[in-house]
Amino acid sequence: MGSFQFDGVTFRAYPGDHDPPHVYGRYQGIVVILELGNDRRVRLAERGDAILPPNAKRNQVQHVLNAANSCFDSLMVKWEEAHA
């Protein structure tokens, strides 16, 4: 499993995980699943469990998204390493 920390968020990519490329961001007790787009942008995954718990604070989720967009290249490297 490839992981690293950026701006207080721990990002993980799991080996053998399905496409599209995505990572899990953990921050202050929440988990956010993020898709890594071809346009070099990070988006909240389009799935029912993309934010856990579902009542996570909006500012926490936004922090994870902002951090992920700031380190897109590193996230993509972790995804590729986990799937090599």
N, C-alpha and C. Protein backbone atom coordinates (compact mmCIF):
# COMPACT_ATOMS: atom_id res chain seq x y z
N MET A 1 0.85 -1.17 0.00
CA MET A 1 0.00 0.00 0.00
C MET A 1 0.89 1.23 0.00
N GLY A 2 0.62 2.16 -0.92
CA GLY A 2 1.39 3.38 -0.98
C GLY A 2 0.68 4.49 -0.23
N SER A 3 1.39 5.15 0.68
CA SER A 3 0.77 6.25 1.42
C SER A 3 1.79 7.34 1.68
N PHE A 4 1.27 8.54 1.90
CA PHE A 4 2.11 9.66 2.33
C PHE A 4 1.21 10.72 2.95
N GLN A 5 1.83 11.67 3.65
CA GLN A 5 1.08 12.74 4.30
C GLN A 5 1.38 14.07 3.63
N PHE A 6 0.35 14.90 3.55
CA PHE A 6 0.49 16.26 3.04
C PHE A 6 -0.54 17.12 3.75
N ASP A 7 -0.08 18.20 4.35
CA ASP A 7 -0.96 19.18 5.01
C ASP A 7 -1.91 18.51 6.01
N GLY A 8 -1.39 17.54 6.75
CA GLY A 8 -2.17 16.88 7.79
C GLY A 8 -3.07 15.76 7.30
N VAL A 9 -3.09 15.51 6.00
CA VAL A 9 -3.94 14.47 5.42
C VAL A 9 -3.06 13.28 5.05
N THR A 10 -3.48 12.08 5.43
CA THR A 10 -2.79 10.87 5.00
C THR A 10 -3.52 10.32 3.79
N PHE A 11 -2.80 10.18 2.69
CA PHE A 11 -3.36 9.66 1.45
C PHE A 11 -2.86 8.25 1.24
N ARG A 12 -3.76 7.35 0.78
CA ARG A 12 -3.39 5.96 0.52
C ARG A 12 -3.96 5.51 -0.82
N ALA A 13 -3.16 4.72 -1.52
CA ALA A 13 -3.62 4.01 -2.72
C ALA A 13 -3.41 2.53 -2.44
N TYR A 14 -4.41 1.73 -2.71
CA TYR A 14 -4.36 0.30 -2.40
C TYR A 14 -4.02 -0.52 -3.63
N PRO A 15 -3.09 -1.48 -3.50
CA PRO A 15 -2.73 -2.34 -4.63
C PRO A 15 -3.94 -3.13 -5.14
N GLY A 16 -4.03 -3.27 -6.44
CA GLY A 16 -5.07 -4.06 -7.04
C GLY A 16 -6.45 -3.43 -6.98
N ASP A 17 -6.55 -2.21 -6.50
CA ASP A 17 -7.84 -1.53 -6.45
C ASP A 17 -8.31 -1.23 -7.87
N HIS A 18 -9.58 -1.05 -8.04
CA HIS A 18 -10.21 -0.88 -9.36
C HIS A 18 -10.00 0.52 -9.93
N ASP A 19 -10.18 0.65 -11.23
CA ASP A 19 -10.21 1.95 -11.90
C ASP A 19 -11.56 2.61 -11.62
N PRO A 20 -11.67 3.90 -11.74
CA PRO A 20 -10.66 4.87 -12.15
C PRO A 20 -9.65 5.09 -11.02
N PRO A 21 -8.51 5.68 -11.38
CA PRO A 21 -7.50 5.97 -10.35
C PRO A 21 -8.13 6.77 -9.21
N HIS A 22 -7.87 6.33 -7.99
CA HIS A 22 -8.42 7.03 -6.83
C HIS A 22 -7.56 6.75 -5.60
N VAL A 23 -7.68 7.63 -4.63
CA VAL A 23 -6.97 7.50 -3.36
C VAL A 23 -7.94 7.77 -2.22
N TYR A 24 -7.52 7.39 -1.04
CA TYR A 24 -8.29 7.61 0.18
C TYR A 24 -7.54 8.65 1.01
N GLY A 25 -8.23 9.72 1.38
CA GLY A 25 -7.64 10.74 2.23
C GLY A 25 -8.23 10.65 3.63
N ARG A 26 -7.37 10.54 4.63
CA ARG A 26 -7.81 10.46 6.03
C ARG A 26 -7.37 11.73 6.75
N TYR A 27 -8.34 12.34 7.44
CA TYR A 27 -8.07 13.61 8.11
C TYR A 27 -9.04 13.79 9.26
N GLN A 28 -8.53 14.00 10.45
CA GLN A 28 -9.35 14.28 11.64
C GLN A 28 -10.53 13.32 11.79
N GLY A 29 -10.27 12.03 11.59
CA GLY A 29 -11.29 11.02 11.82
C GLY A 29 -12.26 10.79 10.67
N ILE A 30 -12.03 11.44 9.53
CA ILE A 30 -12.89 11.19 8.37
C ILE A 30 -12.07 10.54 7.27
N VAL A 31 -12.78 9.90 6.32
CA VAL A 31 -12.15 9.31 5.15
C VAL A 31 -12.90 9.85 3.93
N VAL A 32 -12.12 10.34 2.95
CA VAL A 32 -12.69 10.86 1.72
C VAL A 32 -12.07 10.12 0.55
N ILE A 33 -12.91 9.57 -0.34
CA ILE A 33 -12.40 8.86 -1.51
C ILE A 33 -12.37 9.84 -2.67
N LEU A 34 -11.20 9.96 -3.29
CA LEU A 34 -10.96 10.98 -4.31
C LEU A 34 -10.54 10.35 -5.63
N GLU A 35 -11.18 10.75 -6.71
CA GLU A 35 -10.79 10.30 -8.04
C GLU A 35 -9.74 11.24 -8.62
N LEU A 36 -8.77 10.64 -9.31
CA LEU A 36 -7.68 11.40 -9.95
C LEU A 36 -8.02 11.52 -11.44
N GLY A 37 -8.44 12.68 -11.85
CA GLY A 37 -8.92 12.87 -13.22
C GLY A 37 -7.83 13.02 -14.25
N ASN A 38 -8.17 12.71 -15.50
CA ASN A 38 -7.23 12.90 -16.62
C ASN A 38 -6.87 14.36 -16.82
N ASP A 39 -7.69 15.26 -16.32
CA ASP A 39 -7.45 16.70 -16.44
C ASP A 39 -6.56 17.23 -15.31
N ARG A 40 -5.95 16.30 -14.55
CA ARG A 40 -5.05 16.63 -13.44
C ARG A 40 -5.77 17.33 -12.29
N ARG A 41 -7.05 17.00 -12.12
CA ARG A 41 -7.82 17.54 -11.01
C ARG A 41 -8.33 16.38 -10.15
N VAL A 42 -8.53 16.68 -8.91
CA VAL A 42 -9.03 15.69 -7.95
C VAL A 42 -10.50 16.01 -7.69
N ARG A 43 -11.32 14.97 -7.69
CA ARG A 43 -12.75 15.12 -7.44
C ARG A 43 -13.22 14.11 -6.41
N LEU A 44 -14.27 14.47 -5.73
CA LEU A 44 -14.91 13.53 -4.83
C LEU A 44 -15.44 12.38 -5.67
N ALA A 45 -15.17 11.15 -5.24
CA ALA A 45 -15.63 9.97 -5.98
C ALA A 45 -17.15 9.96 -6.04
N GLU A 46 -17.66 9.50 -7.17
CA GLU A 46 -19.11 9.42 -7.36
C GLU A 46 -19.62 8.07 -6.85
N ARG A 47 -19.72 7.96 -5.55
CA ARG A 47 -20.20 6.74 -4.91
C ARG A 47 -20.76 7.11 -3.54
N GLY A 48 -21.65 6.31 -3.06
CA GLY A 48 -22.36 6.62 -1.82
C GLY A 48 -21.49 6.72 -0.58
N ASP A 49 -20.36 6.00 -0.58
CA ASP A 49 -19.49 6.00 0.59
C ASP A 49 -18.24 6.85 0.39
N ALA A 50 -18.31 7.88 -0.44
CA ALA A 50 -17.15 8.72 -0.73
C ALA A 50 -16.71 9.55 0.47
N ILE A 51 -17.63 9.79 1.40
CA ILE A 51 -17.31 10.53 2.62
C ILE A 51 -17.79 9.71 3.80
N LEU A 52 -16.86 9.37 4.69
CA LEU A 52 -17.20 8.61 5.89
C LEU A 52 -16.65 9.31 7.12
N PRO A 53 -17.42 9.54 8.12
CA PRO A 53 -18.85 9.31 8.16
C PRO A 53 -19.58 10.29 7.24
N PRO A 54 -20.79 9.94 6.85
CA PRO A 54 -21.53 10.79 5.91
C PRO A 54 -21.81 12.20 6.43
N ASN A 55 -21.78 12.38 7.74
CA ASN A 55 -22.04 13.70 8.32
C ASN A 55 -20.76 14.46 8.66
N ALA A 56 -19.66 14.14 7.97
CA ALA A 56 -18.39 14.84 8.19
C ALA A 56 -18.58 16.33 7.93
N LYS A 57 -17.81 17.12 8.63
CA LYS A 57 -17.90 18.58 8.45
C LYS A 57 -17.43 18.97 7.05
N ARG A 58 -18.14 19.88 6.46
CA ARG A 58 -17.83 20.34 5.11
C ARG A 58 -16.40 20.91 5.02
N ASN A 59 -15.97 21.65 6.05
CA ASN A 59 -14.62 22.23 5.99
C ASN A 59 -13.54 21.16 6.06
N GLN A 60 -13.81 20.03 6.71
CA GLN A 60 -12.84 18.93 6.73
C GLN A 60 -12.72 18.30 5.35
N VAL A 61 -13.85 18.06 4.71
CA VAL A 61 -13.84 17.48 3.37
C VAL A 61 -13.15 18.42 2.40
N GLN A 62 -13.44 19.71 2.50
CA GLN A 62 -12.81 20.70 1.62
C GLN A 62 -11.30 20.74 1.83
N HIS A 63 -10.86 20.59 3.07
CA HIS A 63 -9.42 20.57 3.35
C HIS A 63 -8.75 19.39 2.65
N VAL A 64 -9.39 18.22 2.70
CA VAL A 64 -8.84 17.04 2.02
C VAL A 64 -8.77 17.28 0.51
N LEU A 65 -9.83 17.83 -0.07
CA LEU A 65 -9.85 18.13 -1.50
C LEU A 65 -8.76 19.13 -1.88
N ASN A 66 -8.62 20.19 -1.10
CA ASN A 66 -7.60 21.20 -1.39
C ASN A 66 -6.20 20.61 -1.31
N ALA A 67 -5.95 19.83 -0.27
CA ALA A 67 -4.64 19.21 -0.11
C ALA A 67 -4.35 18.28 -1.29
N ALA A 68 -5.34 17.48 -1.67
CA ALA A 68 -5.15 16.54 -2.77
C ALA A 68 -4.87 17.26 -4.09
N ASN A 69 -5.59 18.33 -4.36
CA ASN A 69 -5.33 19.09 -5.59
C ASN A 69 -3.94 19.71 -5.58
N SER A 70 -3.43 20.04 -4.41
CA SER A 70 -2.08 20.63 -4.31
C SER A 70 -0.97 19.61 -4.55
N CYS A 71 -1.27 18.34 -4.40
CA CYS A 71 -0.23 17.31 -4.56
C CYS A 71 -0.66 16.24 -5.56
N PHE A 72 -1.37 16.64 -6.61
CA PHE A 72 -1.91 15.70 -7.59
C PHE A 72 -0.83 14.75 -8.13
N ASP A 73 0.32 15.29 -8.52
CA ASP A 73 1.37 14.46 -9.11
C ASP A 73 1.82 13.36 -8.16
N SER A 74 1.99 13.69 -6.89
CA SER A 74 2.39 12.68 -5.90
C SER A 74 1.33 11.62 -5.72
N LEU A 75 0.06 12.02 -5.76
CA LEU A 75 -1.03 11.05 -5.64
C LEU A 75 -1.04 10.10 -6.82
N MET A 76 -0.81 10.62 -8.01
CA MET A 76 -0.80 9.77 -9.20
C MET A 76 0.39 8.80 -9.15
N VAL A 77 1.52 9.26 -8.66
CA VAL A 77 2.67 8.37 -8.51
C VAL A 77 2.32 7.24 -7.55
N LYS A 78 1.67 7.55 -6.42
CA LYS A 78 1.29 6.51 -5.46
C LYS A 78 0.31 5.51 -6.10
N TRP A 79 -0.65 6.01 -6.89
CA TRP A 79 -1.58 5.11 -7.57
C TRP A 79 -0.81 4.19 -8.52
N GLU A 80 0.09 4.76 -9.31
CA GLU A 80 0.84 3.97 -10.28
C GLU A 80 1.75 2.96 -9.59
N GLU A 81 2.39 3.34 -8.48
CA GLU A 81 3.22 2.41 -7.73
C GLU A 81 2.39 1.24 -7.17
N ALA A 82 1.19 1.53 -6.74
CA ALA A 82 0.33 0.50 -6.16
C ALA A 82 -0.20 -0.44 -7.22
N HIS A 83 -0.11 -0.06 -8.50
CA HIS A 83 -0.66 -0.86 -9.58
C HIS A 83 0.38 -1.32 -10.59
N ALA A 84 1.64 -1.22 -10.21
CA ALA A 84 2.73 -1.64 -11.11
C ALA A 84 2.90 -3.15 -11.11
